[in-house]
Amino acid sequence: MTIDDCYQLGYIVKTHGLKGEVQIYLDVDAPSDYRNLESVFVLQGQQLVPFFIESMSNLNGAKAIVGFEDVDTFEAAQALKGSELYLSLDSLPQLSGNEFYLHEIIGFDLKDVTTDMIVGKIGNVIESGPQLLFSVLAEGEKEILIPYTESLLVSLDRSTMTISLNVPEGLIDIYLEENED
C-alpha cells in the first residue's frame, strides 16, 4: 500500500495515559463516520504500517482516544506522536451527482460554461484556508488558478471526466494574455 492509494484520515496528537493509548485527530468532514474503524495505516518514515485498533472512545468532535494492538506502553505510544493516519481510497463511499472528493477530480477537464470551452486539465487542488483553488494546466503548460465554491459548480460528469464551472468573467484571460511589457 502506498500513499497514492490512500487518503489522510488525521494524525496522532499525543499520548493518553500510561498504557499506550493515544489521542487522535480526525481531519475529515464527518468524524462520527469513523467510530467503528478496525485498522489504520500509520506513516512511519516513508512507509505506511498497518495498526489494528483495539479500542476507540471519547469521540468528541474530531478527537478520539485510541488503543492500538501491541502498543501497550507509554514509550511505544510516544514514538507514534505526530504520525499521520491513512485509510485506503477503497474505503471511501462512492459519491454521486455533483459531489466529489478532491483527489477524484485530478485529471478532469475543466469546462468554462460561460464560454463553452475546455480550459484545461485539473493538475492539483490547493486548499488555502477555507478557499479551494483548482490548478488547471491550459494550453499545455500555463497554470491557471481558479477559485472554487459550490455556487460556481454547474455539473460533474464522471464518464467524460469533465467538471463544468461558471468561471468568473475575465479570470482566464488574465492568465492567457501575453505579457506586453
N, C-alpha and C. Protein backbone atom coordinates (compact mmCIF):
# COMPACT_ATOMS: atom_id res chain seq x y z
N MET A 1 0.85 -1.18 0.00
CA MET A 1 0.00 0.00 0.00
C MET A 1 0.89 1.24 0.00
N THR A 2 0.61 2.16 -0.91
CA THR A 2 1.37 3.41 -0.98
C THR A 2 0.48 4.59 -0.61
N ILE A 3 1.08 5.72 -0.35
CA ILE A 3 0.32 6.93 -0.01
C ILE A 3 -0.61 7.30 -1.15
N ASP A 4 -0.21 7.04 -2.40
CA ASP A 4 -1.07 7.36 -3.55
C ASP A 4 -2.36 6.56 -3.55
N ASP A 5 -2.36 5.42 -2.86
CA ASP A 5 -3.56 4.57 -2.77
C ASP A 5 -4.42 4.92 -1.56
N CYS A 6 -4.03 5.96 -0.83
CA CYS A 6 -4.69 6.28 0.44
C CYS A 6 -5.06 7.75 0.53
N TYR A 7 -5.83 8.06 1.53
CA TYR A 7 -6.11 9.46 1.87
C TYR A 7 -5.81 9.65 3.35
N GLN A 8 -5.41 10.88 3.70
CA GLN A 8 -5.05 11.13 5.09
C GLN A 8 -6.32 11.29 5.91
N LEU A 9 -6.41 10.49 6.94
CA LEU A 9 -7.55 10.49 7.85
C LEU A 9 -7.36 11.51 8.96
N GLY A 10 -6.14 11.68 9.40
CA GLY A 10 -5.84 12.58 10.51
C GLY A 10 -4.44 12.31 11.00
N TYR A 11 -4.24 12.52 12.30
CA TYR A 11 -2.91 12.29 12.86
C TYR A 11 -3.01 12.03 14.36
N ILE A 12 -1.92 11.51 14.91
CA ILE A 12 -1.84 11.23 16.34
C ILE A 12 -1.36 12.50 17.03
N VAL A 13 -2.18 13.00 17.95
CA VAL A 13 -1.89 14.27 18.61
C VAL A 13 -0.90 14.07 19.75
N LYS A 14 -1.21 13.14 20.64
CA LYS A 14 -0.36 12.96 21.83
C LYS A 14 -0.70 11.62 22.49
N THR A 15 0.09 11.28 23.50
CA THR A 15 -0.20 10.07 24.26
C THR A 15 -1.36 10.35 25.21
N HIS A 16 -1.97 9.27 25.69
CA HIS A 16 -3.06 9.39 26.66
C HIS A 16 -2.84 8.33 27.73
N GLY A 17 -2.49 8.76 28.90
CA GLY A 17 -2.26 7.81 29.98
C GLY A 17 -0.93 7.09 29.84
N LEU A 18 -0.80 6.01 30.61
CA LEU A 18 0.47 5.28 30.65
C LEU A 18 0.40 3.90 30.02
N LYS A 19 -0.75 3.53 29.45
CA LYS A 19 -0.93 2.17 28.94
C LYS A 19 -0.87 2.08 27.42
N GLY A 20 -0.31 3.10 26.78
CA GLY A 20 -0.10 3.02 25.33
C GLY A 20 -1.20 3.62 24.48
N GLU A 21 -2.20 4.24 25.09
CA GLU A 21 -3.25 4.85 24.29
C GLU A 21 -2.77 6.20 23.75
N VAL A 22 -3.40 6.62 22.65
CA VAL A 22 -3.06 7.89 22.03
C VAL A 22 -4.34 8.68 21.74
N GLN A 23 -4.18 9.99 21.66
CA GLN A 23 -5.29 10.83 21.22
C GLN A 23 -5.07 11.10 19.73
N ILE A 24 -6.12 10.90 18.94
CA ILE A 24 -6.01 11.16 17.50
C ILE A 24 -6.95 12.30 17.13
N TYR A 25 -6.60 12.96 16.05
CA TYR A 25 -7.46 13.99 15.47
C TYR A 25 -7.87 13.51 14.10
N LEU A 26 -9.18 13.45 13.84
CA LEU A 26 -9.71 13.00 12.55
C LEU A 26 -10.00 14.24 11.71
N ASP A 27 -9.20 14.45 10.69
CA ASP A 27 -9.32 15.63 9.83
C ASP A 27 -10.23 15.31 8.64
N VAL A 28 -11.50 15.06 8.97
CA VAL A 28 -12.49 14.68 7.96
C VAL A 28 -13.78 15.46 8.21
N ASP A 29 -14.66 15.46 7.22
CA ASP A 29 -15.91 16.20 7.34
C ASP A 29 -16.85 15.63 8.39
N ALA A 30 -16.92 14.31 8.50
CA ALA A 30 -17.84 13.66 9.43
C ALA A 30 -17.09 12.64 10.28
N PRO A 31 -16.42 13.08 11.36
CA PRO A 31 -15.64 12.16 12.19
C PRO A 31 -16.46 10.99 12.74
N SER A 32 -17.74 11.21 13.00
CA SER A 32 -18.56 10.13 13.57
C SER A 32 -18.69 8.94 12.61
N ASP A 33 -18.43 9.15 11.33
CA ASP A 33 -18.48 8.04 10.36
C ASP A 33 -17.35 7.03 10.59
N TYR A 34 -16.39 7.39 11.41
CA TYR A 34 -15.20 6.56 11.60
C TYR A 34 -15.15 5.92 12.99
N ARG A 35 -16.28 5.81 13.65
CA ARG A 35 -16.33 5.24 15.01
C ARG A 35 -15.93 3.77 15.07
N ASN A 36 -16.19 3.04 13.99
CA ASN A 36 -16.00 1.59 14.02
C ASN A 36 -14.81 1.12 13.19
N LEU A 37 -13.77 1.91 13.16
CA LEU A 37 -12.58 1.51 12.41
C LEU A 37 -11.94 0.27 13.03
N GLU A 38 -11.47 -0.62 12.19
CA GLU A 38 -10.76 -1.80 12.67
C GLU A 38 -9.26 -1.60 12.59
N SER A 39 -8.82 -0.79 11.61
CA SER A 39 -7.38 -0.56 11.45
C SER A 39 -7.16 0.74 10.70
N VAL A 40 -5.93 1.24 10.79
CA VAL A 40 -5.50 2.41 10.03
C VAL A 40 -4.06 2.16 9.60
N PHE A 41 -3.60 2.94 8.66
CA PHE A 41 -2.18 2.93 8.29
C PHE A 41 -1.53 4.12 8.98
N VAL A 42 -0.38 3.87 9.61
CA VAL A 42 0.37 4.93 10.28
C VAL A 42 1.64 5.16 9.46
N LEU A 43 1.87 6.43 9.08
CA LEU A 43 3.06 6.75 8.32
C LEU A 43 4.26 6.77 9.26
N GLN A 44 5.19 5.86 9.01
CA GLN A 44 6.42 5.78 9.81
C GLN A 44 7.58 5.86 8.83
N GLY A 45 8.30 6.99 8.91
CA GLY A 45 9.32 7.24 7.90
C GLY A 45 8.62 7.50 6.58
N GLN A 46 8.93 6.70 5.59
CA GLN A 46 8.27 6.82 4.29
C GLN A 46 7.33 5.64 4.02
N GLN A 47 7.06 4.85 5.06
CA GLN A 47 6.26 3.64 4.88
C GLN A 47 4.94 3.73 5.64
N LEU A 48 3.90 3.16 5.04
CA LEU A 48 2.62 3.02 5.73
C LEU A 48 2.59 1.67 6.42
N VAL A 49 2.39 1.70 7.72
CA VAL A 49 2.37 0.48 8.52
C VAL A 49 0.96 0.28 9.07
N PRO A 50 0.37 -0.91 8.86
CA PRO A 50 -0.97 -1.13 9.39
C PRO A 50 -0.97 -1.29 10.91
N PHE A 51 -1.91 -0.64 11.57
CA PHE A 51 -2.10 -0.76 13.01
C PHE A 51 -3.55 -1.15 13.24
N PHE A 52 -3.76 -2.19 14.03
CA PHE A 52 -5.11 -2.65 14.34
C PHE A 52 -5.60 -1.96 15.61
N ILE A 53 -6.84 -1.53 15.58
CA ILE A 53 -7.42 -0.77 16.68
C ILE A 53 -8.11 -1.72 17.65
N GLU A 54 -7.69 -1.68 18.90
CA GLU A 54 -8.33 -2.48 19.95
C GLU A 54 -9.48 -1.73 20.60
N SER A 55 -9.32 -0.41 20.75
CA SER A 55 -10.38 0.37 21.39
C SER A 55 -10.36 1.79 20.84
N MET A 56 -11.56 2.38 20.80
CA MET A 56 -11.70 3.78 20.40
C MET A 56 -12.82 4.36 21.25
N SER A 57 -12.51 5.44 21.95
CA SER A 57 -13.53 6.03 22.82
C SER A 57 -13.42 7.55 22.82
N ASN A 58 -14.38 8.17 23.49
CA ASN A 58 -14.41 9.62 23.63
C ASN A 58 -14.35 10.34 22.29
N LEU A 59 -15.11 9.86 21.32
CA LEU A 59 -15.15 10.55 20.04
C LEU A 59 -15.91 11.85 20.26
N ASN A 60 -15.15 12.87 20.60
CA ASN A 60 -15.70 14.17 20.93
C ASN A 60 -15.35 15.12 19.78
N GLY A 61 -16.30 15.36 18.91
CA GLY A 61 -15.97 16.14 17.73
C GLY A 61 -15.03 15.34 16.87
N ALA A 62 -13.85 15.87 16.64
CA ALA A 62 -12.89 15.22 15.77
C ALA A 62 -11.79 14.48 16.52
N LYS A 63 -11.88 14.44 17.86
CA LYS A 63 -10.83 13.79 18.65
C LYS A 63 -11.33 12.49 19.26
N ALA A 64 -10.42 11.53 19.38
CA ALA A 64 -10.76 10.24 19.98
C ALA A 64 -9.52 9.68 20.68
N ILE A 65 -9.77 8.81 21.65
CA ILE A 65 -8.71 8.09 22.34
C ILE A 65 -8.68 6.69 21.73
N VAL A 66 -7.49 6.28 21.27
CA VAL A 66 -7.37 5.00 20.57
C VAL A 66 -6.30 4.14 21.24
N GLY A 67 -6.63 2.86 21.35
CA GLY A 67 -5.67 1.86 21.78
C GLY A 67 -5.35 0.95 20.61
N PHE A 68 -4.07 0.89 20.23
CA PHE A 68 -3.65 0.02 19.13
C PHE A 68 -3.14 -1.31 19.68
N GLU A 69 -3.38 -2.37 18.92
CA GLU A 69 -2.85 -3.68 19.25
C GLU A 69 -1.33 -3.61 19.30
N ASP A 70 -0.74 -4.22 20.31
CA ASP A 70 0.72 -4.29 20.50
C ASP A 70 1.37 -2.94 20.84
N VAL A 71 0.58 -1.92 21.14
CA VAL A 71 1.11 -0.65 21.65
C VAL A 71 0.57 -0.54 23.06
N ASP A 72 1.37 -0.99 24.05
CA ASP A 72 0.83 -1.08 25.41
C ASP A 72 1.70 -0.38 26.46
N THR A 73 2.62 0.46 25.99
CA THR A 73 3.42 1.23 26.94
C THR A 73 3.42 2.70 26.53
N PHE A 74 3.71 3.55 27.50
CA PHE A 74 3.81 4.98 27.24
C PHE A 74 4.87 5.26 26.17
N GLU A 75 6.00 4.57 26.26
CA GLU A 75 7.10 4.79 25.32
C GLU A 75 6.71 4.42 23.89
N ALA A 76 5.99 3.31 23.74
CA ALA A 76 5.55 2.90 22.40
C ALA A 76 4.56 3.91 21.82
N ALA A 77 3.67 4.43 22.67
CA ALA A 77 2.71 5.44 22.22
C ALA A 77 3.43 6.75 21.89
N GLN A 78 4.42 7.12 22.70
CA GLN A 78 5.17 8.36 22.49
C GLN A 78 5.87 8.34 21.13
N ALA A 79 6.33 7.16 20.70
CA ALA A 79 7.01 7.04 19.41
C ALA A 79 6.08 7.31 18.23
N LEU A 80 4.76 7.20 18.46
CA LEU A 80 3.78 7.43 17.40
C LEU A 80 3.29 8.88 17.34
N LYS A 81 3.60 9.65 18.35
CA LYS A 81 3.12 11.03 18.44
C LYS A 81 3.48 11.82 17.18
N GLY A 82 2.47 12.51 16.62
CA GLY A 82 2.68 13.32 15.42
C GLY A 82 2.56 12.55 14.11
N SER A 83 2.42 11.24 14.18
CA SER A 83 2.33 10.43 12.96
C SER A 83 1.00 10.66 12.25
N GLU A 84 1.05 10.63 10.93
CA GLU A 84 -0.15 10.78 10.12
C GLU A 84 -0.87 9.44 10.00
N LEU A 85 -2.20 9.51 9.97
CA LEU A 85 -3.04 8.32 9.84
C LEU A 85 -3.68 8.31 8.45
N TYR A 86 -3.71 7.14 7.84
CA TYR A 86 -4.25 7.00 6.48
C TYR A 86 -5.23 5.83 6.41
N LEU A 87 -6.13 5.92 5.44
CA LEU A 87 -7.03 4.82 5.07
C LEU A 87 -6.96 4.65 3.56
N SER A 88 -7.28 3.46 3.11
CA SER A 88 -7.29 3.15 1.68
C SER A 88 -8.39 3.95 0.99
N LEU A 89 -8.09 4.41 -0.23
CA LEU A 89 -9.11 5.12 -1.01
C LEU A 89 -10.33 4.23 -1.26
N ASP A 90 -10.12 2.92 -1.28
CA ASP A 90 -11.23 1.98 -1.50
C ASP A 90 -12.26 2.05 -0.38
N SER A 91 -11.87 2.56 0.79
CA SER A 91 -12.80 2.61 1.91
C SER A 91 -13.74 3.80 1.85
N LEU A 92 -13.49 4.73 0.94
CA LEU A 92 -14.37 5.89 0.81
C LEU A 92 -15.69 5.48 0.15
N PRO A 93 -16.81 5.99 0.64
CA PRO A 93 -18.08 5.69 -0.03
C PRO A 93 -18.12 6.37 -1.40
N GLN A 94 -18.77 5.71 -2.35
CA GLN A 94 -18.94 6.29 -3.68
C GLN A 94 -19.85 7.51 -3.59
N LEU A 95 -19.47 8.58 -4.23
CA LEU A 95 -20.30 9.77 -4.29
C LEU A 95 -21.00 9.81 -5.64
N SER A 96 -22.12 10.49 -5.68
CA SER A 96 -22.85 10.58 -6.94
C SER A 96 -23.24 12.03 -7.19
N GLY A 97 -23.77 12.27 -8.38
CA GLY A 97 -24.21 13.62 -8.72
C GLY A 97 -23.02 14.56 -8.76
N ASN A 98 -23.20 15.76 -8.22
CA ASN A 98 -22.16 16.78 -8.25
C ASN A 98 -21.24 16.74 -7.04
N GLU A 99 -21.38 15.73 -6.17
CA GLU A 99 -20.46 15.60 -5.04
C GLU A 99 -19.19 14.92 -5.51
N PHE A 100 -18.04 15.36 -4.96
CA PHE A 100 -16.78 14.76 -5.36
C PHE A 100 -15.75 14.89 -4.24
N TYR A 101 -14.78 13.98 -4.28
CA TYR A 101 -13.62 14.07 -3.42
C TYR A 101 -12.57 14.88 -4.17
N LEU A 102 -11.76 15.63 -3.44
CA LEU A 102 -10.77 16.48 -4.09
C LEU A 102 -9.79 15.67 -4.94
N HIS A 103 -9.35 14.52 -4.42
CA HIS A 103 -8.39 13.71 -5.17
C HIS A 103 -9.01 13.14 -6.44
N GLU A 104 -10.33 12.99 -6.45
CA GLU A 104 -11.04 12.35 -7.55
C GLU A 104 -11.00 13.18 -8.83
N ILE A 105 -10.96 14.51 -8.71
CA ILE A 105 -11.07 15.35 -9.91
C ILE A 105 -9.72 15.70 -10.54
N ILE A 106 -8.63 15.22 -9.94
CA ILE A 106 -7.32 15.43 -10.57
C ILE A 106 -7.35 14.71 -11.92
N GLY A 107 -6.98 15.43 -12.98
CA GLY A 107 -7.01 14.86 -14.33
C GLY A 107 -8.30 15.14 -15.08
N PHE A 108 -9.32 15.68 -14.40
CA PHE A 108 -10.56 16.04 -15.07
C PHE A 108 -10.34 17.27 -15.95
N ASP A 109 -11.07 17.36 -17.04
CA ASP A 109 -11.10 18.58 -17.84
C ASP A 109 -11.98 19.59 -17.12
N LEU A 110 -11.54 20.86 -17.10
CA LEU A 110 -12.36 21.91 -16.52
C LEU A 110 -12.96 22.70 -17.67
N LYS A 111 -14.29 22.75 -17.68
CA LYS A 111 -15.02 23.45 -18.74
C LYS A 111 -15.60 24.73 -18.17
N ASP A 112 -15.38 25.85 -18.88
CA ASP A 112 -15.98 27.13 -18.52
C ASP A 112 -17.30 27.24 -19.27
N VAL A 113 -18.42 27.20 -18.54
CA VAL A 113 -19.73 27.20 -19.21
C VAL A 113 -20.07 28.56 -19.83
N THR A 114 -19.44 29.62 -19.37
CA THR A 114 -19.75 30.93 -19.95
C THR A 114 -19.20 31.05 -21.36
N THR A 115 -18.08 30.38 -21.64
CA THR A 115 -17.51 30.40 -22.99
C THR A 115 -17.72 29.06 -23.70
N ASP A 116 -18.22 28.06 -22.99
CA ASP A 116 -18.44 26.71 -23.52
C ASP A 116 -17.14 26.10 -24.06
N MET A 117 -16.02 26.38 -23.34
CA MET A 117 -14.73 25.86 -23.77
C MET A 117 -14.05 25.10 -22.64
N ILE A 118 -13.25 24.11 -23.03
CA ILE A 118 -12.41 23.40 -22.06
C ILE A 118 -11.20 24.29 -21.79
N VAL A 119 -11.00 24.63 -20.52
CA VAL A 119 -9.88 25.48 -20.11
C VAL A 119 -8.59 24.67 -20.08
N GLY A 120 -8.68 23.45 -19.54
CA GLY A 120 -7.51 22.58 -19.41
C GLY A 120 -7.80 21.47 -18.42
N LYS A 121 -6.75 20.77 -18.02
CA LYS A 121 -6.88 19.66 -17.07
C LYS A 121 -6.53 20.13 -15.66
N ILE A 122 -7.30 19.64 -14.69
CA ILE A 122 -7.00 19.94 -13.29
C ILE A 122 -5.79 19.12 -12.89
N GLY A 123 -4.73 19.81 -12.52
CA GLY A 123 -3.49 19.14 -12.13
C GLY A 123 -3.35 18.99 -10.63
N ASN A 124 -4.06 19.86 -9.88
CA ASN A 124 -3.95 19.84 -8.43
C ASN A 124 -5.11 20.63 -7.85
N VAL A 125 -5.44 20.32 -6.60
CA VAL A 125 -6.40 21.10 -5.84
C VAL A 125 -5.66 21.63 -4.62
N ILE A 126 -5.65 22.93 -4.48
CA ILE A 126 -4.91 23.58 -3.40
C ILE A 126 -5.90 24.05 -2.35
N GLU A 127 -5.69 23.61 -1.11
CA GLU A 127 -6.54 24.06 -0.01
C GLU A 127 -5.82 25.22 0.67
N SER A 128 -6.35 26.40 0.48
CA SER A 128 -5.76 27.61 1.05
C SER A 128 -6.73 28.17 2.07
N GLY A 129 -6.61 27.68 3.30
CA GLY A 129 -7.59 28.08 4.32
C GLY A 129 -8.96 27.58 3.90
N PRO A 130 -9.97 28.43 3.96
CA PRO A 130 -11.31 28.00 3.58
C PRO A 130 -11.51 27.98 2.06
N GLN A 131 -10.56 28.51 1.31
CA GLN A 131 -10.69 28.62 -0.14
C GLN A 131 -10.02 27.46 -0.85
N LEU A 132 -10.71 26.85 -1.80
CA LEU A 132 -10.12 25.84 -2.66
C LEU A 132 -9.72 26.50 -3.97
N LEU A 133 -8.57 26.11 -4.49
CA LEU A 133 -8.12 26.58 -5.79
C LEU A 133 -7.86 25.37 -6.67
N PHE A 134 -8.39 25.41 -7.89
CA PHE A 134 -8.08 24.38 -8.87
C PHE A 134 -6.89 24.88 -9.69
N SER A 135 -5.81 24.11 -9.70
CA SER A 135 -4.67 24.41 -10.55
C SER A 135 -4.91 23.70 -11.88
N VAL A 136 -5.16 24.49 -12.91
CA VAL A 136 -5.53 23.95 -14.21
C VAL A 136 -4.40 24.21 -15.19
N LEU A 137 -3.99 23.17 -15.91
CA LEU A 137 -2.95 23.32 -16.93
C LEU A 137 -3.64 23.58 -18.26
N ALA A 138 -3.45 24.81 -18.76
CA ALA A 138 -4.08 25.23 -20.01
C ALA A 138 -3.03 25.34 -21.10
N GLU A 139 -3.44 25.12 -22.32
CA GLU A 139 -2.55 25.23 -23.48
C GLU A 139 -1.23 24.51 -23.25
N GLY A 140 -1.32 23.36 -22.64
CA GLY A 140 -0.14 22.53 -22.45
C GLY A 140 0.67 22.82 -21.20
N GLU A 141 0.99 24.10 -20.94
CA GLU A 141 1.91 24.39 -19.86
C GLU A 141 1.47 25.50 -18.91
N LYS A 142 0.58 26.37 -19.33
CA LYS A 142 0.22 27.51 -18.49
C LYS A 142 -0.68 27.08 -17.34
N GLU A 143 -0.29 27.50 -16.14
CA GLU A 143 -1.09 27.18 -14.95
C GLU A 143 -2.08 28.32 -14.70
N ILE A 144 -3.33 27.94 -14.52
CA ILE A 144 -4.38 28.89 -14.18
C ILE A 144 -4.95 28.46 -12.84
N LEU A 145 -5.02 29.38 -11.89
CA LEU A 145 -5.62 29.10 -10.59
C LEU A 145 -7.05 29.60 -10.58
N ILE A 146 -7.97 28.67 -10.40
CA ILE A 146 -9.38 29.02 -10.41
C ILE A 146 -9.97 28.75 -9.04
N PRO A 147 -10.47 29.81 -8.38
CA PRO A 147 -11.09 29.60 -7.07
C PRO A 147 -12.36 28.77 -7.24
N TYR A 148 -12.58 27.87 -6.28
CA TYR A 148 -13.77 27.02 -6.36
C TYR A 148 -14.69 27.27 -5.18
N THR A 149 -15.95 27.45 -5.48
CA THR A 149 -17.02 27.42 -4.48
C THR A 149 -18.15 26.61 -5.09
N GLU A 150 -18.96 26.04 -4.24
CA GLU A 150 -20.08 25.22 -4.71
C GLU A 150 -21.00 25.97 -5.65
N SER A 151 -21.14 27.28 -5.42
CA SER A 151 -22.05 28.07 -6.25
C SER A 151 -21.56 28.19 -7.70
N LEU A 152 -20.27 27.97 -7.96
CA LEU A 152 -19.74 28.02 -9.32
C LEU A 152 -19.94 26.72 -10.08
N LEU A 153 -20.18 25.62 -9.35
CA LEU A 153 -20.30 24.30 -9.96
C LEU A 153 -21.60 24.17 -10.73
N VAL A 154 -21.49 23.81 -12.00
CA VAL A 154 -22.66 23.58 -12.84
C VAL A 154 -22.93 22.08 -12.93
N SER A 155 -21.88 21.31 -13.24
CA SER A 155 -22.06 19.86 -13.35
C SER A 155 -20.73 19.14 -13.22
N LEU A 156 -20.83 17.86 -12.92
CA LEU A 156 -19.68 16.98 -12.82
C LEU A 156 -20.05 15.71 -13.58
N ASP A 157 -19.26 15.38 -14.59
CA ASP A 157 -19.53 14.20 -15.40
C ASP A 157 -18.36 13.24 -15.27
N ARG A 158 -18.57 12.19 -14.49
CA ARG A 158 -17.50 11.22 -14.26
C ARG A 158 -17.18 10.41 -15.51
N SER A 159 -18.17 10.16 -16.36
CA SER A 159 -17.92 9.35 -17.56
C SER A 159 -17.01 10.05 -18.55
N THR A 160 -17.12 11.38 -18.68
CA THR A 160 -16.24 12.12 -19.58
C THR A 160 -15.10 12.81 -18.84
N MET A 161 -15.07 12.64 -17.52
CA MET A 161 -14.07 13.28 -16.66
C MET A 161 -14.02 14.79 -16.91
N THR A 162 -15.21 15.40 -16.79
CA THR A 162 -15.33 16.84 -17.01
C THR A 162 -16.08 17.47 -15.84
N ILE A 163 -15.54 18.60 -15.35
CA ILE A 163 -16.23 19.39 -14.35
C ILE A 163 -16.51 20.75 -15.00
N SER A 164 -17.77 21.17 -14.94
CA SER A 164 -18.18 22.42 -15.57
C SER A 164 -18.45 23.47 -14.51
N LEU A 165 -17.82 24.64 -14.69
CA LEU A 165 -17.94 25.73 -13.73
C LEU A 165 -18.33 27.02 -14.43
N ASN A 166 -18.97 27.91 -13.69
CA ASN A 166 -19.17 29.29 -14.11
C ASN A 166 -17.93 30.05 -13.65
N VAL A 167 -16.91 30.07 -14.47
CA VAL A 167 -15.66 30.74 -14.11
C VAL A 167 -15.90 32.25 -14.15
N PRO A 168 -15.42 32.96 -13.13
CA PRO A 168 -15.60 34.42 -13.13
C PRO A 168 -15.09 35.05 -14.43
N GLU A 169 -15.88 35.94 -14.99
CA GLU A 169 -15.57 36.55 -16.28
C GLU A 169 -14.22 37.26 -16.23
N GLY A 170 -13.41 37.00 -17.25
CA GLY A 170 -12.11 37.65 -17.39
C GLY A 170 -10.97 36.96 -16.66
N LEU A 171 -11.27 36.03 -15.76
CA LEU A 171 -10.21 35.39 -14.98
C LEU A 171 -9.23 34.61 -15.86
N ILE A 172 -9.75 33.83 -16.76
CA ILE A 172 -8.88 33.02 -17.62
C ILE A 172 -8.07 33.90 -18.54
N ASP A 173 -8.67 34.98 -19.02
CA ASP A 173 -7.96 35.90 -19.92
C ASP A 173 -6.72 36.50 -19.26
N ILE A 174 -6.81 36.78 -17.97
CA ILE A 174 -5.67 37.35 -17.24
C ILE A 174 -4.46 36.41 -17.35
N TYR A 175 -4.70 35.12 -17.25
CA TYR A 175 -3.61 34.14 -17.31
C TYR A 175 -3.11 33.90 -18.74
N LEU A 176 -3.99 33.95 -19.70
CA LEU A 176 -3.62 33.58 -21.06
C LEU A 176 -3.08 34.73 -21.90
N GLU A 177 -3.31 35.97 -21.48
CA GLU A 177 -2.79 37.10 -22.22
C GLU A 177 -1.27 37.10 -22.15
N GLU A 178 -0.64 37.42 -23.26
CA GLU A 178 0.83 37.52 -23.30
C GLU A 178 1.23 38.80 -22.60
N ASN A 179 2.37 38.75 -21.91
CA ASN A 179 2.90 39.96 -21.30
C ASN A 179 3.26 40.96 -22.39
N GLU A 180 2.76 42.18 -22.28
CA GLU A 180 3.03 43.19 -23.28
C GLU A 180 4.00 44.23 -22.76
N ASP A 181 4.86 43.85 -21.85
CA ASP A 181 5.84 44.78 -21.29
C ASP A 181 7.02 44.98 -22.18
